[in-house]
Amino acid sequence: MSHPLDSRAQLFESSWGQEQGRGRLAGRCIVVVGAGQRASHPDTMGNGRAISLLFALEGAGVACVDRDEASAKYTMLSILGKSPHAKACAIVADVTREEEVASMMAQAKTTFGGLDGIVINVGVSNGKRLDDLDAESWEAVLSVNLRAHVFVAKHAMRTLKAGGAIVFISSLASQSPSSRQPAYEASKAALPALCRAVALEGQKHGIRANVVSPGLIDTPMGRDASARRPDRTSRPLPFGRQGTAWEVAHAALFLISHDASYVNGQDVFVDGGLGSEIALQA
């Protein structure tokens, strides 16, 4: 006879961002695009902010990039407040504009004297089903969720040191139509293909590229999605819970670090097995 699992039994210090750093990014400088987060849900952590804080905890200098200046600065100050030795800066950029991407990379490189990695954590959804889509709403999503990634990868390839790494943040929606948002799903599905092209190009530069695809994660964006679709979290969930932004951040940490030195062109799902329907069969 099976017994229901207490979801707290499968949560650890690392799941809450309470683990002590181990110096896995010591001496490295990383750009996190989308390092801010929405103010509508201040009681939960977004993926970009968690990634920035974790990387800093592991010894990296972090360039916190966001189009929202106040949000980028909040993340920067959160990093600097953790340790007198922490290094961080805030950069405002709209990465759908190539000229701002180029400027962002140059500013980050000048600040830190060189760059070792970049995480691209930007994405929007419009809540529109197929019947509601028009050209303008389609282009608006693709511009942020795919076009921006192309520009960032292009300029990262010109800027990162050999031995550097690129991490794209996609979504379980790349494999599932359950959100009923074809623009969002199509844009996220395109990121693994873009990543493979970047990984191939990066080999001659000594630069790796990989994808992290989160499932149902308790973030500000996730809570907004659940408010629009209350049935989003009504299905059985792996381990009886959503994931945390810190768990996404740890996957990104592995891929950006030298621990993943021979991992290239891969899509790592942080979904508890939801995409494999493990939760439905438990």
Foldseek 3Di string as FASTA:
>chain_A
DDDAFDLVVPADCLLVVNDQADLLQAPAEEEEAPLFADPPCVPAADLNLLLLQNNQRNHYAYEQEYQDQVRSVVSQVVSCVVDVPTHYHYDHADLLDLVRLLVSLVVSCVRSVAHAEYEYDWFDADLDAPVRDDPVRLCVRLSTLPSSVVSNLVNCLVTHAQLHEYEYEAALLCVDCVLNGVSNNVSSVCVLVVQQVSQVVCVVRNYAYEYEHEYQEPGPVSVVSCVVPVCRPVDFAQSRDGGGSSLSSVVVSCRRGCVCSPDHSYYHYHRNCVSVVPRVVD
